[in-house]
Amino acid sequence: MGVLPCIIEQLFLKTNSAIIIITDMRNSAKKLGENIRRIRVAKEMTQGDLCRKLKVDPAYISNIENGNKNPTLATIERIAEALSTPIEELMK
């Protein structure tokens, strides 16, 4: 076995790890968005209501709820406060 196959194998492993991490992040973003939407709807709030409370563009909330954006922890805290919900409820 030469050096090249070992390098290729290591590169493959690193690439697979990166794919798994990206997939996990996308799943987490999607789950967060689903939770935000579920809680918002249960509280009979529209996306517009939430946007006005947060002073953000409606497209931003839409992207978060659809799992297309990863909000910062500070934004997640603001969303939880606007929904009068514990952060844990958004993250589960």
Protein backbone atom coordinates (compact mmCIF):
# COMPACT_ATOMS: atom_id res chain seq x y z
CA MET A 1 0.00 0.00 0.00
CA GLY A 2 1.44 3.35 -1.02
CA VAL A 3 1.11 6.84 0.38
CA LEU A 4 -1.44 7.97 -2.22
CA PRO A 5 -4.18 5.48 -1.22
CA CYS A 6 -3.72 6.50 2.43
CA ILE A 7 -4.05 10.18 1.54
CA ILE A 8 -7.14 9.47 -0.57
CA GLU A 9 -8.66 7.40 2.26
CA GLN A 10 -8.01 10.19 4.79
CA LEU A 11 -9.48 12.77 2.42
CA PHE A 12 -12.55 10.57 1.94
CA LEU A 13 -12.99 10.21 5.70
CA LYS A 14 -12.65 13.98 6.23
CA THR A 15 -15.09 14.64 3.41
CA ASN A 16 -17.62 12.17 4.83
CA SER A 17 -17.27 13.81 8.25
CA ALA A 18 -17.92 17.21 6.70
CA ILE A 19 -20.99 15.86 4.91
CA ILE A 20 -22.31 14.39 8.15
CA ILE A 21 -21.74 17.67 10.01
CA ILE A 22 -23.46 19.67 7.25
CA THR A 23 -26.36 17.20 7.19
CA ASP A 24 -26.69 17.39 10.99
CA MET A 25 -26.70 21.21 10.84
CA ARG A 26 -29.40 21.17 8.15
CA ASN A 27 -31.49 18.73 10.19
CA SER A 28 -31.07 20.93 13.28
CA ALA A 29 -32.03 24.06 11.36
CA LYS A 30 -35.07 22.32 9.92
CA LYS A 31 -36.16 21.04 13.34
CA LEU A 32 -35.68 24.48 14.90
CA GLY A 33 -37.78 26.03 12.12
CA GLU A 34 -40.51 23.43 12.54
CA ASN A 35 -40.62 24.10 16.29
CA ILE A 36 -40.80 27.86 15.80
CA ARG A 37 -43.65 27.46 13.31
CA ARG A 38 -45.52 24.97 15.53
CA ILE A 39 -45.30 27.23 18.58
CA ARG A 40 -46.11 30.39 16.61
CA VAL A 41 -49.22 28.80 15.08
CA ALA A 42 -50.30 27.38 18.47
CA LYS A 43 -50.15 30.93 19.83
CA GLU A 44 -52.22 32.10 16.85
CA MET A 45 -49.44 34.36 15.60
CA THR A 46 -48.70 35.00 11.96
CA GLN A 47 -45.18 35.30 10.61
CA GLY A 48 -45.93 39.01 10.28
CA ASP A 49 -46.78 39.23 14.00
CA LEU A 50 -43.50 37.58 14.90
CA CYS A 51 -41.55 39.78 12.48
CA ARG A 52 -43.03 42.93 13.96
CA LYS A 53 -42.10 41.81 17.49
CA LEU A 54 -38.56 41.00 16.39
CA LYS A 55 -38.24 43.93 13.96
CA VAL A 56 -36.94 41.64 11.21
CA ASP A 57 -37.82 41.11 7.57
CA PRO A 58 -40.58 38.53 6.96
CA ALA A 59 -38.32 36.65 4.52
CA TYR A 60 -35.84 36.09 7.37
CA ILE A 61 -38.42 34.35 9.58
CA SER A 62 -39.70 32.40 6.60
CA ASN A 63 -36.17 31.18 5.87
CA ILE A 64 -35.63 30.18 9.50
CA GLU A 65 -38.95 28.31 9.63
CA ASN A 66 -38.11 26.50 6.39
CA GLY A 67 -34.68 25.47 7.70
CA ASN A 68 -32.83 27.61 5.16
CA LYS A 69 -31.19 29.92 7.71
CA ASN A 70 -29.26 29.16 10.86
CA PRO A 71 -30.04 31.95 13.31
CA THR A 72 -27.51 32.98 15.93
CA LEU A 73 -28.06 32.06 19.56
CA ALA A 74 -28.96 35.71 20.26
CA THR A 75 -31.67 35.53 17.58
CA ILE A 76 -32.97 32.24 18.96
CA GLU A 77 -33.18 33.89 22.39
CA ARG A 78 -35.13 36.82 20.90
CA ILE A 79 -37.50 34.44 19.09
CA ALA A 80 -38.09 32.48 22.30
CA GLU A 81 -38.83 35.70 24.17
CA ALA A 82 -41.18 36.93 21.41
CA LEU A 83 -43.03 33.60 21.57
CA SER A 84 -42.99 33.59 25.40
CA THR A 85 -41.41 30.16 25.21
CA PRO A 86 -38.30 28.63 26.79
CA ILE A 87 -35.36 28.21 24.39
CA GLU A 88 -35.36 24.50 25.22
CA GLU A 89 -38.80 24.24 23.64
CA LEU A 90 -37.46 25.66 20.38
CA MET A 91 -34.42 23.40 20.39
CA LYS A 92 -36.02 20.03 21.15
